[in-house]
N, C-alpha and C. Protein backbone atom coordinates (compact mmCIF):
# COMPACT_ATOMS: atom_id res chain seq x y z
N MET A 1 212.18 149.34 34.27
CA MET A 1 211.18 149.08 35.28
C MET A 1 209.83 148.86 34.59
N LYS A 2 209.10 147.82 35.00
CA LYS A 2 207.77 147.52 34.46
C LYS A 2 206.72 147.99 35.46
N ILE A 3 205.86 148.89 35.00
CA ILE A 3 204.79 149.42 35.85
C ILE A 3 203.45 149.06 35.22
N VAL A 4 202.58 148.44 35.97
CA VAL A 4 201.21 148.19 35.53
C VAL A 4 200.36 149.34 36.07
N VAL A 5 199.48 149.88 35.23
CA VAL A 5 198.61 150.99 35.63
C VAL A 5 197.17 150.56 35.41
N GLY A 6 196.37 150.65 36.46
CA GLY A 6 194.95 150.38 36.37
C GLY A 6 194.18 151.67 36.54
N ILE A 7 193.21 151.90 35.68
CA ILE A 7 192.34 153.07 35.78
C ILE A 7 190.92 152.56 36.04
N THR A 8 190.35 152.97 37.16
CA THR A 8 188.99 152.53 37.50
C THR A 8 188.03 153.72 37.42
N GLY A 9 186.79 153.44 37.74
CA GLY A 9 185.73 154.43 37.60
C GLY A 9 185.55 155.36 38.77
N SER A 10 186.62 155.98 39.18
CA SER A 10 186.53 157.00 40.22
C SER A 10 186.97 158.31 39.60
N SER A 11 186.26 159.36 39.90
CA SER A 11 186.59 160.66 39.33
C SER A 11 188.04 161.02 39.61
N GLY A 12 188.63 161.77 38.69
CA GLY A 12 190.03 162.17 38.87
C GLY A 12 190.96 161.50 37.89
N VAL A 13 190.45 161.09 36.74
CA VAL A 13 191.26 160.38 35.75
C VAL A 13 192.39 161.27 35.21
N VAL A 14 192.29 162.58 35.40
CA VAL A 14 193.37 163.49 35.00
C VAL A 14 194.69 163.08 35.66
N HIS A 15 194.62 162.54 36.86
CA HIS A 15 195.83 162.10 37.56
C HIS A 15 196.46 160.90 36.87
N ALA A 16 195.65 159.99 36.36
CA ALA A 16 196.17 158.83 35.63
C ALA A 16 196.83 159.26 34.34
N VAL A 17 196.19 160.17 33.63
CA VAL A 17 196.74 160.64 32.35
C VAL A 17 198.08 161.34 32.58
N ASP A 18 198.15 162.18 33.59
CA ASP A 18 199.41 162.88 33.90
C ASP A 18 200.50 161.87 34.28
N PHE A 19 200.15 160.88 35.08
CA PHE A 19 201.11 159.85 35.47
C PHE A 19 201.61 159.08 34.25
N LEU A 20 200.71 158.68 33.37
CA LEU A 20 201.12 157.93 32.17
C LEU A 20 202.07 158.76 31.31
N LYS A 21 201.83 160.04 31.21
CA LYS A 21 202.68 160.91 30.40
C LYS A 21 204.06 161.11 31.01
N LYS A 22 204.14 161.17 32.34
CA LYS A 22 205.40 161.53 33.00
C LYS A 22 206.24 160.35 33.49
N CYS A 23 205.63 159.21 33.67
CA CYS A 23 206.37 158.05 34.17
C CYS A 23 207.29 157.51 33.08
N PRO A 24 208.60 157.45 33.34
CA PRO A 24 209.55 157.05 32.30
C PRO A 24 209.65 155.54 32.07
N SER A 25 208.98 154.75 32.85
CA SER A 25 209.10 153.29 32.77
C SER A 25 208.24 152.71 31.66
N ASP A 26 208.45 151.41 31.39
CA ASP A 26 207.53 150.67 30.52
C ASP A 26 206.23 150.51 31.28
N LYS A 27 205.13 150.93 30.67
CA LYS A 27 203.83 150.89 31.34
C LYS A 27 202.89 149.95 30.61
N PHE A 28 202.14 149.18 31.39
CA PHE A 28 201.15 148.24 30.88
C PHE A 28 199.81 148.66 31.47
N LEU A 29 198.84 148.94 30.61
CA LEU A 29 197.61 149.61 31.02
C LEU A 29 196.40 148.69 31.03
N ILE A 30 195.57 148.85 32.07
CA ILE A 30 194.26 148.20 32.15
C ILE A 30 193.26 149.31 32.50
N VAL A 31 192.20 149.42 31.72
CA VAL A 31 191.17 150.44 31.99
C VAL A 31 189.83 149.73 32.17
N SER A 32 189.16 149.99 33.28
CA SER A 32 187.84 149.38 33.51
C SER A 32 186.79 150.05 32.62
N LYS A 33 185.64 149.44 32.56
CA LYS A 33 184.51 150.00 31.79
C LYS A 33 184.20 151.42 32.26
N TRP A 34 184.17 151.63 33.56
CA TRP A 34 183.84 152.95 34.09
C TRP A 34 185.03 153.89 33.99
N GLY A 35 186.24 153.36 33.98
CA GLY A 35 187.42 154.18 33.71
C GLY A 35 187.36 154.76 32.31
N LYS A 36 186.90 153.95 31.35
CA LYS A 36 186.72 154.43 29.97
C LYS A 36 185.68 155.54 29.93
N ALA A 37 184.60 155.37 30.68
CA ALA A 37 183.55 156.39 30.71
C ALA A 37 184.09 157.70 31.27
N LEU A 38 184.92 157.62 32.32
CA LEU A 38 185.48 158.84 32.91
C LEU A 38 186.51 159.50 31.99
N LEU A 39 187.27 158.70 31.26
CA LEU A 39 188.19 159.29 30.28
C LEU A 39 187.41 160.17 29.31
N LYS A 40 186.27 159.66 28.87
CA LYS A 40 185.43 160.42 27.93
C LYS A 40 184.81 161.63 28.61
N ASP A 41 184.20 161.42 29.77
CA ASP A 41 183.47 162.50 30.45
C ASP A 41 184.38 163.60 30.98
N GLU A 42 185.50 163.23 31.58
CA GLU A 42 186.36 164.20 32.26
C GLU A 42 187.48 164.77 31.38
N MET A 43 187.91 163.98 30.39
CA MET A 43 189.08 164.40 29.60
C MET A 43 188.80 164.47 28.09
N ASN A 44 187.58 164.06 27.69
CA ASN A 44 187.24 163.98 26.27
C ASN A 44 188.27 163.14 25.51
N MET A 45 188.63 162.02 26.13
CA MET A 45 189.63 161.10 25.57
C MET A 45 189.06 159.69 25.53
N SER A 46 189.69 158.86 24.74
CA SER A 46 189.40 157.43 24.77
C SER A 46 190.68 156.71 25.20
N GLU A 47 190.56 155.45 25.48
CA GLU A 47 191.75 154.69 25.86
C GLU A 47 192.76 154.65 24.73
N LYS A 48 192.30 154.78 23.51
CA LYS A 48 193.22 154.82 22.35
C LYS A 48 194.15 156.03 22.42
N ASP A 49 193.67 157.13 23.01
CA ASP A 49 194.50 158.33 23.16
C ASP A 49 195.67 158.10 24.12
N LEU A 50 195.61 157.04 24.91
CA LEU A 50 196.67 156.74 25.87
C LEU A 50 197.76 155.83 25.29
N GLN A 51 197.52 155.29 24.10
CA GLN A 51 198.46 154.34 23.49
C GLN A 51 199.88 154.86 23.36
N PRO A 52 200.09 156.15 23.02
CA PRO A 52 201.49 156.61 22.90
C PRO A 52 202.28 156.56 24.22
N TYR A 53 201.59 156.42 25.33
CA TYR A 53 202.25 156.48 26.64
C TYR A 53 202.44 155.10 27.27
N VAL A 54 201.98 154.05 26.61
CA VAL A 54 202.08 152.71 27.19
C VAL A 54 202.73 151.74 26.21
N LYS A 55 203.32 150.72 26.76
CA LYS A 55 203.93 149.67 25.92
C LYS A 55 202.87 148.72 25.39
N ARG A 56 201.87 148.45 26.26
CA ARG A 56 200.81 147.50 25.89
C ARG A 56 199.60 147.75 26.76
N GLN A 57 198.43 147.50 26.21
CA GLN A 57 197.19 147.60 26.97
C GLN A 57 196.50 146.25 26.98
N PHE A 58 195.90 145.92 28.12
CA PHE A 58 195.15 144.69 28.26
C PHE A 58 193.71 145.03 28.63
N GLN A 59 192.79 144.21 28.16
CA GLN A 59 191.38 144.41 28.48
C GLN A 59 191.08 143.92 29.89
N ASN A 60 190.24 144.64 30.60
CA ASN A 60 189.94 144.33 32.00
C ASN A 60 189.23 142.99 32.15
N ASP A 61 188.56 142.50 31.12
CA ASP A 61 187.87 141.22 31.23
C ASP A 61 188.73 140.03 30.78
N ASP A 62 190.01 140.29 30.47
CA ASP A 62 190.91 139.24 30.00
C ASP A 62 191.72 138.65 31.15
N LEU A 63 191.14 137.66 31.80
CA LEU A 63 191.83 137.02 32.92
C LEU A 63 192.88 136.01 32.46
N THR A 64 193.09 135.90 31.14
CA THR A 64 194.17 135.07 30.62
C THR A 64 195.40 135.93 30.28
N ALA A 65 195.32 137.23 30.52
CA ALA A 65 196.46 138.12 30.24
C ALA A 65 197.64 137.74 31.12
N PRO A 66 198.86 138.00 30.66
CA PRO A 66 200.05 137.63 31.45
C PRO A 66 200.10 138.28 32.82
N LEU A 67 199.45 139.42 32.99
CA LEU A 67 199.46 140.10 34.29
C LEU A 67 198.68 139.32 35.36
N ALA A 68 197.84 138.39 34.93
CA ALA A 68 197.03 137.62 35.87
C ALA A 68 197.82 136.49 36.53
N SER A 69 199.07 136.32 36.13
CA SER A 69 199.88 135.23 36.69
C SER A 69 201.09 135.78 37.44
N GLY A 70 201.32 135.26 38.60
CA GLY A 70 202.48 135.64 39.40
C GLY A 70 203.80 135.18 38.79
N SER A 71 203.75 134.35 37.77
CA SER A 71 204.98 133.91 37.11
C SER A 71 205.57 135.00 36.22
N ASN A 72 204.81 136.07 35.99
CA ASN A 72 205.29 137.20 35.20
C ASN A 72 205.52 138.39 36.12
N LYS A 73 206.79 138.72 36.30
CA LYS A 73 207.15 139.78 37.26
C LYS A 73 206.93 141.17 36.68
N PHE A 74 206.44 142.05 37.54
CA PHE A 74 206.43 143.48 37.26
C PHE A 74 206.94 144.16 38.51
N ASP A 75 207.37 145.40 38.37
CA ASP A 75 207.99 146.10 39.50
C ASP A 75 206.99 146.81 40.39
N ALA A 76 205.92 147.29 39.80
CA ALA A 76 204.92 148.01 40.60
C ALA A 76 203.59 148.00 39.85
N TYR A 77 202.54 148.10 40.63
CA TYR A 77 201.18 148.22 40.10
C TYR A 77 200.56 149.42 40.77
N VAL A 78 200.12 150.37 39.94
CA VAL A 78 199.50 151.60 40.43
C VAL A 78 198.05 151.62 39.94
N ILE A 79 197.11 151.71 40.86
CA ILE A 79 195.71 151.88 40.48
C ILE A 79 195.36 153.33 40.75
N ILE A 80 195.11 154.07 39.65
CA ILE A 80 194.93 155.51 39.74
C ILE A 80 193.91 155.98 38.71
N PRO A 81 192.81 156.54 39.06
CA PRO A 81 192.27 156.57 40.41
C PRO A 81 191.66 155.22 40.76
N CYS A 82 191.61 154.92 42.03
CA CYS A 82 191.02 153.67 42.50
C CYS A 82 189.69 153.96 43.18
N SER A 83 188.64 153.37 42.66
CA SER A 83 187.33 153.53 43.28
C SER A 83 187.26 152.74 44.58
N THR A 84 186.36 153.12 45.46
CA THR A 84 186.21 152.36 46.71
C THR A 84 185.62 150.98 46.44
N SER A 85 184.91 150.83 45.34
CA SER A 85 184.41 149.51 44.96
C SER A 85 185.58 148.58 44.63
N THR A 86 186.54 149.08 43.86
CA THR A 86 187.73 148.29 43.53
C THR A 86 188.54 148.01 44.79
N LEU A 87 188.70 149.03 45.62
CA LEU A 87 189.40 148.86 46.90
C LEU A 87 188.76 147.72 47.70
N GLY A 88 187.44 147.73 47.79
CA GLY A 88 186.71 146.70 48.54
C GLY A 88 186.90 145.31 47.96
N LYS A 89 186.86 145.22 46.64
CA LYS A 89 187.07 143.90 46.01
C LYS A 89 188.46 143.37 46.32
N ILE A 90 189.47 144.23 46.17
CA ILE A 90 190.84 143.80 46.42
C ILE A 90 191.01 143.37 47.88
N ALA A 91 190.47 144.16 48.80
CA ALA A 91 190.59 143.85 50.24
C ALA A 91 189.87 142.56 50.60
N SER A 92 188.85 142.20 49.81
CA SER A 92 188.09 140.98 50.07
C SER A 92 188.63 139.77 49.32
N GLY A 93 189.69 139.97 48.54
CA GLY A 93 190.28 138.86 47.80
C GLY A 93 189.54 138.51 46.54
N ILE A 94 188.75 139.42 46.01
CA ILE A 94 188.00 139.16 44.78
C ILE A 94 188.85 139.56 43.59
N GLY A 95 189.06 138.61 42.69
CA GLY A 95 189.86 138.85 41.49
C GLY A 95 189.05 138.57 40.24
N ASP A 96 187.90 139.21 40.11
CA ASP A 96 186.99 138.93 39.01
C ASP A 96 187.26 139.75 37.74
N THR A 97 188.20 140.67 37.79
CA THR A 97 188.60 141.45 36.62
C THR A 97 190.12 141.43 36.57
N LEU A 98 190.69 141.86 35.46
CA LEU A 98 192.16 141.90 35.40
C LEU A 98 192.73 142.91 36.38
N ILE A 99 192.00 144.01 36.61
CA ILE A 99 192.46 145.01 37.58
C ILE A 99 192.56 144.40 38.98
N THR A 100 191.52 143.70 39.41
CA THR A 100 191.54 143.13 40.77
C THR A 100 192.43 141.88 40.84
N ARG A 101 192.48 141.09 39.78
CA ARG A 101 193.35 139.90 39.78
C ARG A 101 194.83 140.32 39.83
N THR A 102 195.19 141.37 39.09
CA THR A 102 196.57 141.83 39.11
C THR A 102 196.95 142.35 40.49
N ALA A 103 196.00 142.94 41.19
CA ALA A 103 196.26 143.37 42.57
C ALA A 103 196.51 142.15 43.46
N GLN A 104 195.74 141.08 43.27
CA GLN A 104 195.98 139.85 44.02
C GLN A 104 197.39 139.33 43.75
N VAL A 105 197.80 139.35 42.48
CA VAL A 105 199.15 138.90 42.12
C VAL A 105 200.19 139.76 42.82
N ALA A 106 200.01 141.08 42.78
CA ALA A 106 200.97 141.98 43.42
C ALA A 106 201.09 141.68 44.91
N LEU A 107 199.97 141.46 45.56
CA LEU A 107 200.00 141.19 47.00
C LEU A 107 200.66 139.85 47.30
N LYS A 108 200.28 138.81 46.59
CA LYS A 108 200.83 137.48 46.90
C LYS A 108 202.30 137.34 46.54
N GLU A 109 202.73 138.07 45.49
CA GLU A 109 204.13 138.00 45.07
C GLU A 109 204.99 139.07 45.73
N ARG A 110 204.37 139.92 46.53
CA ARG A 110 205.06 141.02 47.23
C ARG A 110 205.65 142.04 46.27
N PHE A 111 204.93 142.26 45.12
CA PHE A 111 205.29 143.34 44.22
C PHE A 111 204.71 144.62 44.80
N LYS A 112 205.29 145.75 44.49
CA LYS A 112 204.79 147.03 45.02
C LYS A 112 203.41 147.30 44.44
N LEU A 113 202.46 147.59 45.32
CA LEU A 113 201.09 147.92 44.94
C LEU A 113 200.74 149.27 45.55
N VAL A 114 200.43 150.24 44.69
CA VAL A 114 200.07 151.58 45.14
C VAL A 114 198.63 151.84 44.73
N ILE A 115 197.79 152.06 45.72
CA ILE A 115 196.37 152.29 45.48
C ILE A 115 196.06 153.76 45.74
N CYS A 116 195.76 154.47 44.66
CA CYS A 116 195.47 155.91 44.73
C CYS A 116 193.96 156.11 44.80
N VAL A 117 193.46 156.04 46.01
CA VAL A 117 192.01 156.17 46.25
C VAL A 117 191.58 157.61 45.99
N ARG A 118 190.49 157.76 45.26
CA ARG A 118 189.99 159.09 44.96
C ARG A 118 188.51 159.11 45.38
N GLU A 119 188.32 159.41 46.62
CA GLU A 119 186.97 159.44 47.20
C GLU A 119 186.99 160.35 48.40
N THR A 120 185.93 161.09 48.58
CA THR A 120 185.81 161.90 49.80
C THR A 120 184.35 162.24 50.05
N PRO A 121 183.87 162.13 51.25
CA PRO A 121 184.54 161.53 52.40
C PRO A 121 184.68 160.02 52.21
N ILE A 122 185.46 159.41 53.08
CA ILE A 122 185.68 157.97 53.02
C ILE A 122 184.93 157.31 54.16
N SER A 123 184.13 156.30 53.83
CA SER A 123 183.35 155.61 54.85
C SER A 123 184.24 154.79 55.77
N ALA A 124 183.71 154.44 56.91
CA ALA A 124 184.44 153.60 57.85
C ALA A 124 184.78 152.25 57.22
N ILE A 125 183.87 151.74 56.40
CA ILE A 125 184.12 150.45 55.73
C ILE A 125 185.32 150.57 54.80
N ALA A 126 185.37 151.62 53.98
CA ALA A 126 186.50 151.81 53.05
C ALA A 126 187.80 152.04 53.82
N LEU A 127 187.73 152.75 54.93
CA LEU A 127 188.93 152.95 55.76
C LEU A 127 189.45 151.63 56.31
N GLU A 128 188.53 150.76 56.75
CA GLU A 128 188.94 149.44 57.24
C GLU A 128 189.56 148.62 56.13
N GLN A 129 188.98 148.70 54.93
CA GLN A 129 189.53 147.96 53.80
C GLN A 129 190.91 148.49 53.42
N ALA A 130 191.08 149.80 53.44
CA ALA A 130 192.39 150.40 53.14
C ALA A 130 193.41 149.96 54.19
N ALA A 131 193.02 149.95 55.44
CA ALA A 131 193.93 149.52 56.50
C ALA A 131 194.32 148.05 56.32
N ARG A 132 193.35 147.24 55.94
CA ARG A 132 193.62 145.82 55.71
C ARG A 132 194.63 145.63 54.58
N LEU A 133 194.48 146.40 53.50
CA LEU A 133 195.41 146.30 52.38
C LEU A 133 196.79 146.84 52.76
N SER A 134 196.82 147.89 53.55
CA SER A 134 198.09 148.44 54.01
C SER A 134 198.84 147.39 54.84
N GLN A 135 198.12 146.70 55.70
CA GLN A 135 198.74 145.65 56.52
C GLN A 135 199.25 144.50 55.65
N ALA A 136 198.63 144.31 54.48
CA ALA A 136 199.05 143.25 53.57
C ALA A 136 200.21 143.68 52.67
N GLY A 137 200.60 144.95 52.78
CA GLY A 137 201.75 145.42 52.03
C GLY A 137 201.48 146.47 50.98
N ALA A 138 200.22 146.77 50.71
CA ALA A 138 199.90 147.81 49.73
C ALA A 138 200.20 149.19 50.30
N ILE A 139 200.50 150.12 49.41
CA ILE A 139 200.65 151.51 49.80
C ILE A 139 199.35 152.21 49.44
N ILE A 140 198.69 152.75 50.45
CA ILE A 140 197.44 153.48 50.22
C ILE A 140 197.82 154.94 50.07
N MET A 141 197.54 155.49 48.90
CA MET A 141 197.97 156.85 48.59
C MET A 141 196.78 157.64 48.06
N PRO A 142 195.96 158.19 48.97
CA PRO A 142 194.81 158.98 48.50
C PRO A 142 195.29 160.12 47.60
N VAL A 143 194.48 160.42 46.60
CA VAL A 143 194.82 161.52 45.70
C VAL A 143 194.66 162.82 46.48
N SER A 144 195.76 163.22 47.07
CA SER A 144 195.81 164.41 47.91
C SER A 144 197.16 165.07 47.70
N PRO A 145 197.25 165.94 46.71
CA PRO A 145 198.55 166.55 46.37
C PRO A 145 199.10 167.43 47.48
N PRO A 146 200.43 167.50 47.57
CA PRO A 146 201.03 168.42 48.53
C PRO A 146 200.76 169.85 48.08
N LEU A 147 200.45 170.72 49.01
CA LEU A 147 200.09 172.10 48.67
C LEU A 147 201.05 173.12 49.24
N TYR A 148 202.12 172.68 49.89
CA TYR A 148 203.03 173.62 50.55
C TYR A 148 203.78 174.51 49.56
N PHE A 149 203.76 174.17 48.28
CA PHE A 149 204.43 175.03 47.31
C PHE A 149 203.44 175.99 46.62
N VAL A 150 202.18 175.98 47.05
CA VAL A 150 201.11 176.87 46.59
C VAL A 150 200.93 176.80 45.06
N PRO A 151 200.28 175.73 44.57
CA PRO A 151 200.04 175.62 43.14
C PRO A 151 199.13 176.75 42.64
N LYS A 152 199.42 177.22 41.45
CA LYS A 152 198.64 178.33 40.89
C LYS A 152 197.69 177.88 39.80
N THR A 153 197.86 176.66 39.30
CA THR A 153 196.99 176.14 38.25
C THR A 153 196.58 174.71 38.60
N VAL A 154 195.55 174.25 37.93
CA VAL A 154 195.13 172.86 38.11
C VAL A 154 196.25 171.92 37.68
N GLU A 155 196.96 172.28 36.62
CA GLU A 155 198.06 171.45 36.12
C GLU A 155 199.14 171.30 37.19
N GLU A 156 199.48 172.38 37.88
CA GLU A 156 200.48 172.31 38.95
C GLU A 156 199.99 171.43 40.09
N TYR A 157 198.71 171.52 40.39
CA TYR A 157 198.09 170.73 41.46
C TYR A 157 198.19 169.25 41.11
N VAL A 158 197.82 168.90 39.87
CA VAL A 158 197.87 167.51 39.42
C VAL A 158 199.31 167.02 39.38
N SER A 159 200.19 167.84 38.84
CA SER A 159 201.60 167.49 38.70
C SER A 159 202.26 167.22 40.06
N ALA A 160 201.84 167.95 41.08
CA ALA A 160 202.41 167.75 42.41
C ALA A 160 202.13 166.34 42.91
N PHE A 161 200.92 165.84 42.64
CA PHE A 161 200.60 164.48 43.05
C PHE A 161 201.40 163.48 42.23
N THR A 162 201.49 163.71 40.92
CA THR A 162 202.26 162.82 40.07
C THR A 162 203.71 162.74 40.54
N ASP A 163 204.30 163.88 40.86
CA ASP A 163 205.68 163.89 41.35
C ASP A 163 205.81 163.08 42.64
N LYS A 164 204.85 163.23 43.52
CA LYS A 164 204.86 162.47 44.79
C LYS A 164 204.77 160.97 44.50
N LEU A 165 203.89 160.58 43.57
CA LEU A 165 203.73 159.18 43.20
C LEU A 165 205.01 158.64 42.57
N LEU A 166 205.62 159.39 41.69
CA LEU A 166 206.88 158.96 41.08
C LEU A 166 207.95 158.79 42.15
N GLY A 167 207.92 159.63 43.18
CA GLY A 167 208.85 159.49 44.31
C GLY A 167 208.60 158.21 45.09
N VAL A 168 207.35 157.89 45.33
CA VAL A 168 206.99 156.66 46.05
C VAL A 168 207.49 155.44 45.28
N LEU A 169 207.46 155.52 43.96
CA LEU A 169 207.92 154.41 43.12
C LEU A 169 209.44 154.39 42.96
N GLY A 170 210.11 155.41 43.49
CA GLY A 170 211.56 155.47 43.39
C GLY A 170 212.05 155.94 42.03
N LEU A 171 211.19 156.60 41.27
CA LEU A 171 211.54 157.04 39.92
C LEU A 171 211.97 158.50 39.85
N ARG A 172 211.70 159.24 40.90
CA ARG A 172 212.06 160.65 40.91
C ARG A 172 212.06 161.12 42.35
N GLU A 173 212.95 162.05 42.64
CA GLU A 173 212.90 162.69 43.95
C GLU A 173 212.02 163.91 43.83
N SER A 174 210.97 163.95 44.63
CA SER A 174 210.10 165.11 44.58
C SER A 174 210.59 166.14 45.60
N LYS A 175 210.33 167.39 45.29
CA LYS A 175 210.76 168.46 46.17
C LYS A 175 209.98 168.38 47.48
N GLY A 176 210.68 168.32 48.56
CA GLY A 176 210.04 168.23 49.87
C GLY A 176 209.82 169.60 50.48
N TRP A 177 209.06 169.62 51.53
CA TRP A 177 208.77 170.85 52.25
C TRP A 177 210.05 171.38 52.88
N ARG A 178 210.39 172.62 52.56
CA ARG A 178 211.59 173.30 53.06
C ARG A 178 212.86 172.48 52.81
N ALA A 179 212.88 171.75 51.71
CA ALA A 179 213.99 170.86 51.38
C ALA A 179 215.32 171.60 51.28
N GLU A 180 215.28 172.85 50.87
CA GLU A 180 216.52 173.61 50.71
C GLU A 180 217.27 173.76 52.03
N GLU A 181 216.58 173.64 53.15
CA GLU A 181 217.24 173.74 54.45
C GLU A 181 218.08 172.50 54.78
N LEU A 182 217.91 171.46 53.99
CA LEU A 182 218.68 170.23 54.19
C LEU A 182 219.87 170.14 53.24
N GLU A 183 220.05 171.15 52.42
CA GLU A 183 221.16 171.16 51.46
C GLU A 183 222.45 171.48 52.17
């Protein structure tokens, strides 16, 4: 399975790092300028630290990259975390970066697009944009981990969201609420 991962400048890059480490698929990475800043500020990492977890990385300003063309198939595109600015650009059809152009490709080719918005509160404008993208086929997945298993550490909290995301992608079955009652 080929998964494209976009990291934008919204707080919560720990979720992207956890996803990159745990996702078993071939991953192709795009990190925005502000995503790079958050990697440094929040994780004391650079994009080079992510290389062991990806097959290939593309620069966000490279609109000649193979991901910019619908003739190159991928199975899913996950933007994690997704800023509301990126959400707005995608909803408006703006493809001025590789992150937003790849989202256009995913939508037009009907590839799975999962947008992990990390913002709170969310404005009415961003909600309308999210609804518009959902109607176009994107999965809007706010970074909101399930808490019914009562996480005891930040790592468990982050991991719960990653497991849910891997489930949405069909890569893992995540433990559901009171799932044992269905056995």
